[in-house]
Amino acid sequence: MKKFMNTAETMVAESMEGFVRAHQEFVVFGAERKCIRRRHLTPNKVAIISGGGAGHEPMHIGFVGKGMLDAACVGHIFTSPTPSQIISAIEEADTGAGCLLIVKNYDGDIMNFEMAMEMVADRHRMEAVIVSDDIETAGIGQGRGRRGVAGTLVVEKIIGAAAERGMALHELKRIGDRLNGRVRTMGVALSGVTVPQTQRTTFSLNAAEMEMGVGIHGEPGHSREYFSTSDVIVRRLCETICGDISMPPGAKALLFVNGLGGTPPAELYLAYDAAHRFMEERSIPIERALVGTYVTSLDMQGLSVTLALLTDEEISLWDSPVATAALRWSS
């Protein structure tokens, strides 16, 4: 295994150092380097906090900044941050209006975020939104069901914008819970993930195979199928997504094609074209688009398709200015 690193043990810490040095206009380390927070916090604004294991960059640290997250904490590769890290993020980011924690639906994340919240409940007002947009684990009886994957970006952006507008903690909780039910994601991979600590890939495929329904921790999917053309693969993803979500009256769609770490932009745009054509055929109005590598699984050669059905208010929040290392627009 060849990677640009010094040792597997120091890879995450050294990567975080480089990230903060590269994006000093947006972020600084929190106390004892337990979290990364916005360089300039807004007094009496609800703090939006998230986090997870390393290996998903630019999520979550790349989304710390104006209009999105106020702080993020990073665990070891594919490992939840500790309660101590999460408490540090809460203590650093809370400027008087409380904190909303956005948590991906994995057992380790849920357990550690809940533990951290309990430990500082006497000092901070807090709520949590659990993101569970991955349709492929629904109903199979494993863990807590649907995982939080690329749709987490959509939830973080919309809640972050709402907080920037001065909305109260209970309003942000309501927005996040309602939005989560209208976001669906499915991924596919052509290769497994090379984990630095083990120097092994999480699963192996031959030249004629692909893995459908993969997660962002290198997990294999629900089925191994014959490799096909991009149009066939993307149609399969979109059919599954659309079969799992109903179109509310007046909803407007955000279509997001995300690279999982090892897929070049040309292939992501090609996949977006196929997904957009699929949605057009079904009269699903695509009002907003996002294409790029935002929620990764280290070096996995794969992609995911996310469909988010948004209200007019949520479209406005999506369009609101954002200034982070990974996501930036003025209006």
C-alpha atoms as a PDB file:
ATOM      1  CA  MET A   1       0.000   0.000   0.000  1.00  0.00           C
ATOM      2  CA  LYS A   2       1.332   3.412  -1.005  1.00  0.00           C
ATOM      3  CA  LYS A   3      -0.137   6.582   0.497  1.00  0.00           C
ATOM      4  CA  PHE A   4       1.136  10.114   1.000  1.00  0.00           C
ATOM      5  CA  MET A   5       1.571   9.822   4.756  1.00  0.00           C
ATOM      6  CA  ASN A   6       4.296   9.457   7.368  1.00  0.00           C
ATOM      7  CA  THR A   7       2.676   6.890   9.648  1.00  0.00           C
ATOM      8  CA  ALA A   8      -0.870   5.581   9.946  1.00  0.00           C
ATOM      9  CA  GLU A   9      -0.899   6.633  13.600  1.00  0.00           C
ATOM     10  CA  THR A  10      -0.130  10.316  12.861  1.00  0.00           C
ATOM     11  CA  MET A  11      -2.016  10.665   9.588  1.00  0.00           C
ATOM     12  CA  VAL A  12      -5.197  12.233  10.996  1.00  0.00           C
ATOM     13  CA  ALA A  13      -3.451  14.733  13.292  1.00  0.00           C
ATOM     14  CA  GLU A  14      -1.042  15.846  10.559  1.00  0.00           C
ATOM     15  CA  SER A  15      -3.885  16.164   8.067  1.00  0.00           C
ATOM     16  CA  MET A  16      -5.828  18.368  10.495  1.00  0.00           C
ATOM     17  CA  GLU A  17      -2.755  20.578  10.975  1.00  0.00           C
ATOM     18  CA  GLY A  18      -2.499  21.038   7.233  1.00  0.00           C
ATOM     19  CA  PHE A  19      -6.199  21.783   6.894  1.00  0.00           C
ATOM     20  CA  VAL A  20      -6.143  24.538   9.511  1.00  0.00           C
ATOM     21  CA  ARG A  21      -2.978  26.078   8.062  1.00  0.00           C
ATOM     22  CA  ALA A  22      -4.530  26.085   4.567  1.00  0.00           C
ATOM     23  CA  HIS A  23      -7.832  27.640   5.646  1.00  0.00           C
ATOM     24  CA  GLN A  24      -6.937  30.103   8.390  1.00  0.00           C
ATOM     25  CA  GLU A  25      -9.420  32.661   7.062  1.00  0.00           C
ATOM     26  CA  PHE A  26     -12.252  30.301   8.074  1.00  0.00           C
ATOM     27  CA  VAL A  27     -11.097  28.102  10.963  1.00  0.00           C
ATOM     28  CA  VAL A  28      -8.913  27.697  14.034  1.00  0.00           C
ATOM     29  CA  PHE A  29      -8.247  24.808  16.392  1.00  0.00           C
ATOM     30  CA  GLY A  30     -10.223  24.664  19.594  1.00  0.00           C
ATOM     31  CA  ALA A  31      -8.571  24.091  22.960  1.00  0.00           C
ATOM     32  CA  GLU A  32      -6.079  21.207  22.992  1.00  0.00           C
ATOM     33  CA  ARG A  33      -6.844  20.659  19.292  1.00  0.00           C
ATOM     34  CA  LYS A  34      -9.951  18.654  20.216  1.00  0.00           C
ATOM     35  CA  CYS A  35     -12.110  20.352  17.588  1.00  0.00           C
ATOM     36  CA  ILE A  36     -11.994  22.815  14.711  1.00  0.00           C
ATOM     37  CA  ARG A  37     -14.217  25.886  14.944  1.00  0.00           C
ATOM     38  CA  ARG A  38     -15.047  29.031  13.037  1.00  0.00           C
ATOM     39  CA  ARG A  39     -12.410  31.713  13.412  1.00  0.00           C
ATOM     40  CA  HIS A  40     -15.116  34.323  14.025  1.00  0.00           C
ATOM     41  CA  LEU A  41     -18.094  33.146  16.089  1.00  0.00           C
ATOM     42  CA  THR A  42     -21.320  35.169  16.167  1.00  0.00           C
ATOM     43  CA  PRO A  43     -22.536  36.130  19.660  1.00  0.00           C
ATOM     44  CA  ASN A  44     -26.004  34.855  20.613  1.00  0.00           C
ATOM     45  CA  LYS A  45     -26.369  32.708  17.484  1.00  0.00           C
ATOM     46  CA  VAL A  46     -27.265  29.041  17.895  1.00  0.00           C
ATOM     47  CA  ALA A  47     -24.059  27.051  17.337  1.00  0.00           C
ATOM     48  CA  ILE A  48     -24.282  24.302  14.720  1.00  0.00           C
ATOM     49  CA  ILE A  49     -21.921  21.426  15.534  1.00  0.00           C
ATOM     50  CA  SER A  50     -21.187  18.153  13.784  1.00  0.00           C
ATOM     51  CA  GLY A  51     -18.406  15.609  13.514  1.00  0.00           C
ATOM     52  CA  GLY A  52     -17.417  12.061  12.733  1.00  0.00           C
ATOM     53  CA  GLY A  53     -14.490   9.894  11.871  1.00  0.00           C
ATOM     54  CA  ALA A  54     -11.675  11.034   9.610  1.00  0.00           C
ATOM     55  CA  GLY A  55     -11.680   9.685   6.073  1.00  0.00           C
ATOM     56  CA  HIS A  56     -14.785  11.579   4.925  1.00  0.00           C
ATOM     57  CA  GLU A  57     -13.076  14.873   4.094  1.00  0.00           C
ATOM     58  CA  PRO A  58     -14.032  17.523   3.248  1.00  0.00           C
ATOM     59  CA  MET A  59     -17.007  16.583   5.486  1.00  0.00           C
ATOM     60  CA  HIS A  60     -17.241  17.820   8.257  1.00  0.00           C
ATOM     61  CA  ILE A  61     -14.311  20.174   8.775  1.00  0.00           C
ATOM     62  CA  GLY A  62     -14.618  21.565   5.263  1.00  0.00           C
ATOM     63  CA  PHE A  63     -18.088  22.843   6.139  1.00  0.00           C
ATOM     64  CA  VAL A  64     -17.014  24.942   9.145  1.00  0.00           C
ATOM     65  CA  GLY A  65     -17.554  28.604   8.425  1.00  0.00           C
ATOM     66  CA  LYS A  66     -20.167  31.305   7.901  1.00  0.00           C
ATOM     67  CA  GLY A  67     -23.541  29.922   6.895  1.00  0.00           C
ATOM     68  CA  MET A  68     -22.839  26.332   7.871  1.00  0.00           C
ATOM     69  CA  LEU A  69     -21.078  24.746  10.879  1.00  0.00           C
ATOM     70  CA  ASP A  70     -19.631  26.572  13.866  1.00  0.00           C
ATOM     71  CA  ALA A  71     -17.493  23.623  14.973  1.00  0.00           C
ATOM     72  CA  ALA A  72     -16.620  20.066  13.990  1.00  0.00           C
ATOM     73  CA  CYS A  73     -14.717  17.304  15.768  1.00  0.00           C
ATOM     74  CA  VAL A  74     -12.818  14.516  14.050  1.00  0.00           C
ATOM     75  CA  GLY A  75     -12.159  11.013  15.342  1.00  0.00           C
ATOM     76  CA  HIS A  76      -9.695   8.451  14.067  1.00  0.00           C
ATOM     77  CA  ILE A  77     -10.349   7.098  10.589  1.00  0.00           C
ATOM     78  CA  PHE A  78     -13.959   5.845  10.393  1.00  0.00           C
ATOM     79  CA  THR A  79     -14.256   6.206  14.196  1.00  0.00           C
ATOM     80  CA  SER A  80     -16.578   8.533  16.104  1.00  0.00           C
ATOM     81  CA  PRO A  81     -15.039  11.497  17.946  1.00  0.00           C
ATOM     82  CA  THR A  82     -14.871  10.979  21.688  1.00  0.00           C
ATOM     83  CA  PRO A  83     -17.307  12.608  24.143  1.00  0.00           C
ATOM     84  CA  SER A  84     -14.395  14.776  25.294  1.00  0.00           C
ATOM     85  CA  GLN A  85     -13.950  16.135  21.758  1.00  0.00           C
ATOM     86  CA  ILE A  86     -17.664  16.783  21.366  1.00  0.00           C
ATOM     87  CA  ILE A  87     -17.812  18.591  24.729  1.00  0.00           C
ATOM     88  CA  SER A  88     -14.889  20.745  23.616  1.00  0.00           C
ATOM     89  CA  ALA A  89     -16.802  21.709  20.458  1.00  0.00           C
ATOM     90  CA  ILE A  90     -19.879  22.600  22.530  1.00  0.00           C
ATOM     91  CA  GLU A  91     -17.842  24.677  24.991  1.00  0.00           C
ATOM     92  CA  GLU A  92     -15.981  26.453  22.185  1.00  0.00           C
ATOM     93  CA  ALA A  93     -18.957  27.238  19.956  1.00  0.00           C
ATOM     94  CA  ASP A  94     -21.814  28.093  22.324  1.00  0.00           C
ATOM     95  CA  THR A  95     -22.038  31.889  22.454  1.00  0.00           C
ATOM     96  CA  GLY A  96     -25.245  32.063  24.465  1.00  0.00           C
ATOM     97  CA  ALA A  97     -28.077  30.745  22.286  1.00  0.00           C
ATOM     98  CA  GLY A  98     -27.415  27.034  22.696  1.00  0.00           C
ATOM     99  CA  CYS A  99     -26.188  24.330  20.317  1.00  0.00           C
ATOM    100  CA  LEU A 100     -27.735  22.112  17.673  1.00  0.00           C
ATOM    101  CA  LEU A 101     -25.753  18.931  17.072  1.00  0.00           C
ATOM    102  CA  ILE A 102     -26.078  17.243  13.666  1.00  0.00           C
ATOM    103  CA  VAL A 103     -25.291  13.546  14.051  1.00  0.00           C
ATOM    104  CA  LYS A 104     -25.029  10.824  11.423  1.00  0.00           C
ATOM    105  CA  ASN A 105     -27.007   7.707  12.283  1.00  0.00           C
ATOM    106  CA  TYR A 106     -24.242   5.316  13.344  1.00  0.00           C
ATOM    107  CA  ASP A 107     -24.196   3.570  16.705  1.00  0.00           C
ATOM    108  CA  GLY A 108     -20.813   5.018  17.720  1.00  0.00           C
ATOM    109  CA  ASP A 109     -21.725   8.568  16.749  1.00  0.00           C
ATOM    110  CA  ILE A 110     -25.115   8.403  18.462  1.00  0.00           C
ATOM    111  CA  MET A 111     -23.624   6.961  21.653  1.00  0.00           C
ATOM    112  CA  ASN A 112     -20.776   9.477  21.957  1.00  0.00           C
ATOM    113  CA  PHE A 113     -22.831  12.542  21.052  1.00  0.00           C
ATOM    114  CA  GLU A 114     -25.584  11.528  23.502  1.00  0.00           C
ATOM    115  CA  MET A 115     -23.000  10.946  26.231  1.00  0.00           C
ATOM    116  CA  ALA A 116     -21.400  14.341  25.616  1.00  0.00           C
ATOM    117  CA  MET A 117     -24.762  16.106  25.727  1.00  0.00           C
ATOM    118  CA  GLU A 118     -25.660  14.420  29.013  1.00  0.00           C
ATOM    119  CA  MET A 119     -22.347  15.444  30.562  1.00  0.00           C
ATOM    120  CA  VAL A 120     -22.862  19.179  29.893  1.00  0.00           C
ATOM    121  CA  ALA A 121     -26.667  19.341  30.061  1.00  0.00           C
ATOM    122  CA  ASP A 122     -26.494  21.539  33.158  1.00  0.00           C
ATOM    123  CA  ARG A 123     -24.431  24.182  31.352  1.00  0.00           C
ATOM    124  CA  HIS A 124     -25.778  24.306  27.807  1.00  0.00           C
ATOM    125  CA  ARG A 125     -29.093  24.242  25.985  1.00  0.00           C
ATOM    126  CA  MET A 126     -28.841  21.610  23.266  1.00  0.00           C
ATOM    127  CA  GLU A 127     -30.841  19.712  20.665  1.00  0.00           C
ATOM    128  CA  ALA A 128     -29.784  17.059  18.149  1.00  0.00           C
ATOM    129  CA  VAL A 129     -30.843  16.202  14.607  1.00  0.00           C
ATOM    130  CA  ILE A 130     -30.101  12.641  13.483  1.00  0.00           C
ATOM    131  CA  VAL A 131     -29.401  12.312   9.751  1.00  0.00           C
ATOM    132  CA  SER A 132     -30.495   9.022   8.160  1.00  0.00           C
ATOM    133  CA  ASP A 133     -30.643   9.527   4.395  1.00  0.00           C
ATOM    134  CA  ASP A 134     -29.111   6.222   3.185  1.00  0.00           C
ATOM    135  CA  ILE A 135     -31.947   4.053   1.939  1.00  0.00           C
ATOM    136  CA  GLU A 136     -29.995   0.823   1.572  1.00  0.00           C
ATOM    137  CA  THR A 137     -29.907  -0.155   5.229  1.00  0.00           C
ATOM    138  CA  ALA A 138     -33.567   0.566   5.877  1.00  0.00           C
ATOM    139  CA  GLY A 139     -35.474  -2.406   7.212  1.00  0.00           C
ATOM    140  CA  ILE A 140     -32.646  -4.949   7.281  1.00  0.00           C
ATOM    141  CA  GLY A 141     -32.370  -5.060  11.061  1.00  0.00           C
ATOM    142  CA  GLN A 142     -28.751  -3.965  11.363  1.00  0.00           C
ATOM    143  CA  GLY A 143     -27.899  -1.383  14.030  1.00  0.00           C
ATOM    144  CA  ARG A 144     -30.083   1.693  13.909  1.00  0.00           C
ATOM    145  CA  GLY A 145     -31.181   1.293  10.278  1.00  0.00           C
ATOM    146  CA  ARG A 146     -30.619   4.105   7.784  1.00  0.00           C
ATOM    147  CA  ARG A 147     -27.128   5.579   7.905  1.00  0.00           C
ATOM    148  CA  GLY A 148     -26.249   9.235   7.587  1.00  0.00           C
ATOM    149  CA  VAL A 149     -24.261   9.722   4.376  1.00  0.00           C
ATOM    150  CA  ALA A 150     -23.984  12.439   1.692  1.00  0.00           C
ATOM    151  CA  GLY A 151     -27.374  13.940   2.562  1.00  0.00           C
ATOM    152  CA  THR A 152     -25.736  15.179   5.769  1.00  0.00           C
ATOM    153  CA  LEU A 153     -24.263  18.023   3.710  1.00  0.00           C
ATOM    154  CA  VAL A 154     -27.754  19.171   2.690  1.00  0.00           C
ATOM    155  CA  VAL A 155     -28.969  19.139   6.296  1.00  0.00           C
ATOM    156  CA  GLU A 156     -25.882  21.003   7.544  1.00  0.00           C
ATOM    157  CA  LYS A 157     -26.161  23.677   4.846  1.00  0.00           C
ATOM    158  CA  ILE A 158     -29.860  24.397   5.362  1.00  0.00           C
ATOM    159  CA  ILE A 159     -29.722  24.359   9.169  1.00  0.00           C
ATOM    160  CA  GLY A 160     -26.529  26.424   9.116  1.00  0.00           C
ATOM    161  CA  ALA A 161     -28.195  29.067   6.964  1.00  0.00           C
ATOM    162  CA  ALA A 162     -31.261  29.129   9.213  1.00  0.00           C
ATOM    163  CA  ALA A 163     -29.039  29.647  12.267  1.00  0.00           C
ATOM    164  CA  GLU A 164     -27.242  32.468  10.465  1.00  0.00           C
ATOM    165  CA  ARG A 165     -30.620  34.174  10.061  1.00  0.00           C
ATOM    166  CA  GLY A 166     -31.075  34.094  13.832  1.00  0.00           C
ATOM    167  CA  MET A 167     -33.594  31.284  14.181  1.00  0.00           C
ATOM    168  CA  ALA A 168     -34.046  29.840  17.655  1.00  0.00           C
ATOM    169  CA  LEU A 169     -32.868  26.411  18.763  1.00  0.00           C
ATOM    170  CA  HIS A 170     -36.321  24.787  18.702  1.00  0.00           C
ATOM    171  CA  GLU A 171     -36.979  26.160  15.197  1.00  0.00           C
ATOM    172  CA  LEU A 172     -33.716  24.706  13.899  1.00  0.00           C
ATOM    173  CA  LYS A 173     -34.537  21.331  15.431  1.00  0.00           C
ATOM    174  CA  ARG A 174     -37.927  21.374  13.677  1.00  0.00           C
ATOM    175  CA  ILE A 175     -36.370  22.277  10.310  1.00  0.00           C
ATOM    176  CA  GLY A 176     -33.764  19.530  10.577  1.00  0.00           C
ATOM    177  CA  ASP A 177     -36.146  16.764  11.624  1.00  0.00           C
ATOM    178  CA  ARG A 178     -38.608  17.573   8.857  1.00  0.00           C
ATOM    179  CA  LEU A 179     -35.911  17.894   6.220  1.00  0.00           C
ATOM    180  CA  ASN A 180     -34.301  14.571   7.090  1.00  0.00           C
ATOM    181  CA  GLY A 181     -37.432  12.710   5.995  1.00  0.00           C
ATOM    182  CA  ARG A 182     -37.202  14.222   2.508  1.00  0.00           C
ATOM    183  CA  VAL A 183     -33.565  13.373   1.706  1.00  0.00           C
ATOM    184  CA  ARG A 184     -32.481  10.036   0.209  1.00  0.00           C
ATOM    185  CA  THR A 185     -29.050   8.779  -0.894  1.00  0.00           C
ATOM    186  CA  MET A 186     -27.684   5.618  -2.488  1.00  0.00           C
ATOM    187  CA  GLY A 187     -24.065   4.804  -3.356  1.00  0.00           C
ATOM    188  CA  VAL A 188     -22.189   2.453  -5.658  1.00  0.00           C
ATOM    189  CA  ALA A 189     -18.507   1.476  -5.688  1.00  0.00           C
ATOM    190  CA  LEU A 190     -16.081  -0.061  -8.151  1.00  0.00           C
ATOM    191  CA  SER A 191     -13.465  -0.680  -5.455  1.00  0.00           C
ATOM    192  CA  GLY A 192     -13.171  -1.005  -1.707  1.00  0.00           C
ATOM    193  CA  VAL A 193     -11.333   1.319   0.671  1.00  0.00           C
ATOM    194  CA  THR A 194      -7.660   1.023   1.594  1.00  0.00           C
ATOM    195  CA  VAL A 195      -7.536   1.607   5.372  1.00  0.00           C
ATOM    196  CA  PRO A 196      -4.135   2.967   6.497  1.00  0.00           C
ATOM    197  CA  GLN A 197      -4.083   1.187   9.873  1.00  0.00           C
ATOM    198  CA  THR A 198      -4.706  -2.285   8.431  1.00  0.00           C
ATOM    199  CA  GLN A 199      -3.172  -1.727   4.976  1.00  0.00           C
ATOM    200  CA  ARG A 200      -6.040  -3.793   3.569  1.00  0.00           C
ATOM    201  CA  THR A 201      -9.027  -3.027   1.395  1.00  0.00           C
ATOM    202  CA  THR A 202     -12.455  -3.384   2.979  1.00  0.00           C
ATOM    203  CA  PHE A 203     -13.732  -5.507   0.083  1.00  0.00           C
ATOM    204  CA  SER A 204     -12.393  -6.680  -3.279  1.00  0.00           C
ATOM    205  CA  LEU A 205     -14.080  -6.651  -6.672  1.00  0.00           C
ATOM    206  CA  ASN A 206     -12.977  -8.143  -9.945  1.00  0.00           C
ATOM    207  CA  ALA A 207     -13.089  -6.238 -13.231  1.00  0.00           C
ATOM    208  CA  ALA A 208     -16.651  -7.335 -13.968  1.00  0.00           C
ATOM    209  CA  GLU A 209     -18.203  -6.443 -10.594  1.00  0.00           C
ATOM    210  CA  MET A 210     -19.603  -3.431  -8.728  1.00  0.00           C
ATOM    211  CA  GLU A 211     -20.949  -3.055  -5.196  1.00  0.00           C
ATOM    212  CA  MET A 212     -24.421  -1.494  -4.839  1.00  0.00           C
ATOM    213  CA  GLY A 213     -25.557   0.280  -1.665  1.00  0.00           C
ATOM    214  CA  VAL A 214     -22.140   0.979  -0.135  1.00  0.00           C
ATOM    215  CA  GLY A 215     -21.626   3.076   2.999  1.00  0.00           C
ATOM    216  CA  ILE A 216     -19.051   5.779   3.681  1.00  0.00           C
ATOM    217  CA  HIS A 217     -16.997   3.673   6.104  1.00  0.00           C
ATOM    218  CA  GLY A 218     -15.914   1.266   3.405  1.00  0.00           C
ATOM    219  CA  GLU A 219     -18.794  -1.092   4.132  1.00  0.00           C
ATOM    220  CA  PRO A 220     -19.838  -3.424   1.327  1.00  0.00           C
ATOM    221  CA  GLY A 221     -23.312  -2.855  -0.040  1.00  0.00           C
ATOM    222  CA  HIS A 222     -26.429  -4.978  -0.164  1.00  0.00           C
ATOM    223  CA  SER A 223     -25.559  -6.696  -3.446  1.00  0.00           C
ATOM    224  CA  ARG A 224     -22.683  -7.404  -5.787  1.00  0.00           C
ATOM    225  CA  GLU A 225     -23.683  -7.016  -9.412  1.00  0.00           C
ATOM    226  CA  TYR A 226     -22.203  -7.070 -12.891  1.00  0.00           C
ATOM    227  CA  PHE A 227     -20.519  -3.841 -13.907  1.00  0.00           C
ATOM    228  CA  SER A 228     -22.394  -1.903 -16.591  1.00  0.00           C
ATOM    229  CA  THR A 229     -22.532   1.478 -18.340  1.00  0.00           C
ATOM    230  CA  SER A 230     -22.914   4.686 -16.361  1.00  0.00           C
ATOM    231  CA  ASP A 231     -26.477   5.207 -17.586  1.00  0.00           C
ATOM    232  CA  VAL A 232     -27.512   1.754 -16.366  1.00  0.00           C
ATOM    233  CA  ILE A 233     -25.787   2.160 -12.996  1.00  0.00           C
ATOM    234  CA  VAL A 234     -27.176   5.639 -12.314  1.00  0.00           C
ATOM    235  CA  ARG A 235     -30.668   4.619 -13.415  1.00  0.00           C
ATOM    236  CA  ARG A 236     -30.535   1.762 -10.921  1.00  0.00           C
ATOM    237  CA  LEU A 237     -29.597   4.207  -8.120  1.00  0.00           C
ATOM    238  CA  CYS A 238     -32.293   6.684  -9.115  1.00  0.00           C
ATOM    239  CA  GLU A 239     -35.008   4.045  -9.406  1.00  0.00           C
ATOM    240  CA  THR A 240     -34.269   2.855  -5.886  1.00  0.00           C
ATOM    241  CA  ILE A 241     -34.231   6.400  -4.521  1.00  0.00           C
ATOM    242  CA  CYS A 242     -37.473   7.427  -6.206  1.00  0.00           C
ATOM    243  CA  GLY A 243     -39.127   4.218  -5.054  1.00  0.00           C
ATOM    244  CA  ASP A 244     -38.361   5.155  -1.459  1.00  0.00           C
ATOM    245  CA  ILE A 245     -39.576   8.757  -1.376  1.00  0.00           C
ATOM    246  CA  SER A 246     -42.849  10.442  -2.278  1.00  0.00           C
ATOM    247  CA  MET A 247     -43.044  13.834  -3.969  1.00  0.00           C
ATOM    248  CA  PRO A 248     -44.939  16.310  -1.743  1.00  0.00           C
ATOM    249  CA  PRO A 249     -47.116  18.887  -3.568  1.00  0.00           C
ATOM    250  CA  GLY A 250     -45.053  21.927  -4.516  1.00  0.00           C
ATOM    251  CA  ALA A 251     -41.716  20.356  -3.611  1.00  0.00           C
ATOM    252  CA  LYS A 252     -38.605  21.357  -5.509  1.00  0.00           C
ATOM    253  CA  ALA A 253     -35.701  18.968  -5.913  1.00  0.00           C
ATOM    254  CA  LEU A 254     -32.007  19.318  -5.196  1.00  0.00           C
ATOM    255  CA  LEU A 255     -29.975  16.699  -7.081  1.00  0.00           C
ATOM    256  CA  PHE A 256     -26.526  15.991  -5.644  1.00  0.00           C
ATOM    257  CA  VAL A 257     -23.961  13.641  -7.210  1.00  0.00           C
ATOM    258  CA  ASN A 258     -21.108  13.036  -4.762  1.00  0.00           C
ATOM    259  CA  GLY A 259     -17.721  11.439  -5.328  1.00  0.00           C
ATOM    260  CA  LEU A 260     -16.610   8.925  -2.718  1.00  0.00           C
ATOM    261  CA  GLY A 261     -12.916   9.769  -3.011  1.00  0.00           C
ATOM    262  CA  GLY A 262     -11.490   8.054  -6.079  1.00  0.00           C
ATOM    263  CA  THR A 263     -13.823   9.166  -8.878  1.00  0.00           C
ATOM    264  CA  PRO A 264     -12.727  11.967 -11.243  1.00  0.00           C
ATOM    265  CA  PRO A 265     -14.964  14.998 -11.937  1.00  0.00           C
ATOM    266  CA  ALA A 266     -15.617  13.982 -15.549  1.00  0.00           C
ATOM    267  CA  GLU A 267     -17.287  10.781 -14.379  1.00  0.00           C
ATOM    268  CA  LEU A 268     -19.312  12.611 -11.716  1.00  0.00           C
ATOM    269  CA  TYR A 269     -20.692  15.068 -14.273  1.00  0.00           C
ATOM    270  CA  LEU A 270     -21.479  12.213 -16.642  1.00  0.00           C
ATOM    271  CA  ALA A 271     -23.394  10.542 -13.812  1.00  0.00           C
ATOM    272  CA  TYR A 272     -25.194  13.796 -13.011  1.00  0.00           C
ATOM    273  CA  ASP A 273     -26.356  14.047 -16.628  1.00  0.00           C
ATOM    274  CA  ALA A 274     -27.820  10.542 -16.424  1.00  0.00           C
ATOM    275  CA  ALA A 275     -29.507  11.280 -13.077  1.00  0.00           C
ATOM    276  CA  HIS A 276     -30.947  14.573 -14.320  1.00  0.00           C
ATOM    277  CA  ARG A 277     -32.375  12.901 -17.429  1.00  0.00           C
ATOM    278  CA  PHE A 278     -33.953  10.226 -15.231  1.00  0.00           C
ATOM    279  CA  MET A 279     -35.633  12.832 -13.030  1.00  0.00           C
ATOM    280  CA  GLU A 280     -36.856  14.813 -16.049  1.00  0.00           C
ATOM    281  CA  GLU A 281     -38.493  11.676 -17.451  1.00  0.00           C
ATOM    282  CA  ARG A 282     -40.488  11.443 -14.211  1.00  0.00           C
ATOM    283  CA  SER A 283     -41.390  15.136 -14.117  1.00  0.00           C
ATOM    284  CA  ILE A 284     -39.370  15.748 -10.955  1.00  0.00           C
ATOM    285  CA  PRO A 285     -38.359  19.431 -11.118  1.00  0.00           C
ATOM    286  CA  ILE A 286     -34.634  19.833 -10.427  1.00  0.00           C
ATOM    287  CA  GLU A 287     -34.305  23.349  -9.007  1.00  0.00           C
ATOM    288  CA  ARG A 288     -30.756  23.074  -7.623  1.00  0.00           C
ATOM    289  CA  ALA A 289     -27.708  20.933  -8.377  1.00  0.00           C
ATOM    290  CA  LEU A 290     -24.461  20.031  -6.670  1.00  0.00           C
ATOM    291  CA  VAL A 291     -21.716  17.887  -8.186  1.00  0.00           C
ATOM    292  CA  GLY A 292     -18.352  17.157  -6.591  1.00  0.00           C
ATOM    293  CA  THR A 293     -16.361  15.245  -4.022  1.00  0.00           C
ATOM    294  CA  TYR A 294     -17.720  16.339  -0.641  1.00  0.00           C
ATOM    295  CA  VAL A 295     -18.486  13.250   1.484  1.00  0.00           C
ATOM    296  CA  THR A 296     -15.803  10.635   0.917  1.00  0.00           C
ATOM    297  CA  SER A 297     -14.771   7.182   1.984  1.00  0.00           C
ATOM    298  CA  LEU A 298     -11.005   7.693   1.724  1.00  0.00           C
ATOM    299  CA  ASP A 299      -9.972   6.415  -1.724  1.00  0.00           C
ATOM    300  CA  MET A 300     -13.128   4.511  -2.691  1.00  0.00           C
ATOM    301  CA  GLN A 301     -13.767   4.551  -6.436  1.00  0.00           C
ATOM    302  CA  GLY A 302     -17.466   5.231  -6.330  1.00  0.00           C
ATOM    303  CA  LEU A 303     -20.227   7.804  -6.173  1.00  0.00           C
ATOM    304  CA  SER A 304     -23.577   8.446  -4.580  1.00  0.00           C
ATOM    305  CA  VAL A 305     -26.754  10.130  -5.770  1.00  0.00           C
ATOM    306  CA  THR A 306     -28.786  12.237  -3.331  1.00  0.00           C
ATOM    307  CA  LEU A 307     -32.280  13.563  -3.959  1.00  0.00           C
ATOM    308  CA  ALA A 308     -33.595  16.200  -1.540  1.00  0.00           C
ATOM    309  CA  LEU A 309     -37.186  17.425  -1.863  1.00  0.00           C
ATOM    310  CA  LEU A 310     -37.244  20.994  -0.566  1.00  0.00           C
ATOM    311  CA  THR A 311     -39.804  23.621   0.329  1.00  0.00           C
ATOM    312  CA  ASP A 312     -39.516  27.208  -0.904  1.00  0.00           C
ATOM    313  CA  GLU A 313     -38.099  28.188   2.499  1.00  0.00           C
ATOM    314  CA  GLU A 314     -35.458  25.443   2.286  1.00  0.00           C
ATOM    315  CA  ILE A 315     -34.510  26.471  -1.254  1.00  0.00           C
ATOM    316  CA  SER A 316     -33.990  30.012   0.063  1.00  0.00           C
ATOM    317  CA  LEU A 317     -31.822  28.656   2.893  1.00  0.00           C
ATOM    318  CA  TRP A 318     -29.804  26.538   0.446  1.00  0.00           C
ATOM    319  CA  ASP A 319     -29.187  29.643  -1.662  1.00  0.00           C
ATOM    320  CA  SER A 320     -28.074  31.729   1.334  1.00  0.00           C
ATOM    321  CA  PRO A 321     -24.415  32.777   1.353  1.00  0.00           C
ATOM    322  CA  VAL A 322     -21.888  30.258   2.632  1.00  0.00           C
ATOM    323  CA  ALA A 323     -18.148  30.674   3.169  1.00  0.00           C
ATOM    324  CA  THR A 324     -16.306  27.488   4.117  1.00  0.00           C
ATOM    325  CA  ALA A 325     -13.241  25.680   2.854  1.00  0.00           C
ATOM    326  CA  ALA A 326     -15.299  23.280   0.730  1.00  0.00           C
ATOM    327  CA  LEU A 327     -18.534  25.116  -0.050  1.00  0.00           C
ATOM    328  CA  ARG A 328     -18.733  28.790  -0.976  1.00  0.00           C
ATOM    329  CA  TRP A 329     -21.209  31.031  -2.741  1.00  0.00           C
ATOM    330  CA  SER A 330     -22.423  34.573  -2.213  1.00  0.00           C
ATOM    331  CA  SER A 331     -26.095  34.159  -3.009  1.00  0.00           C
END
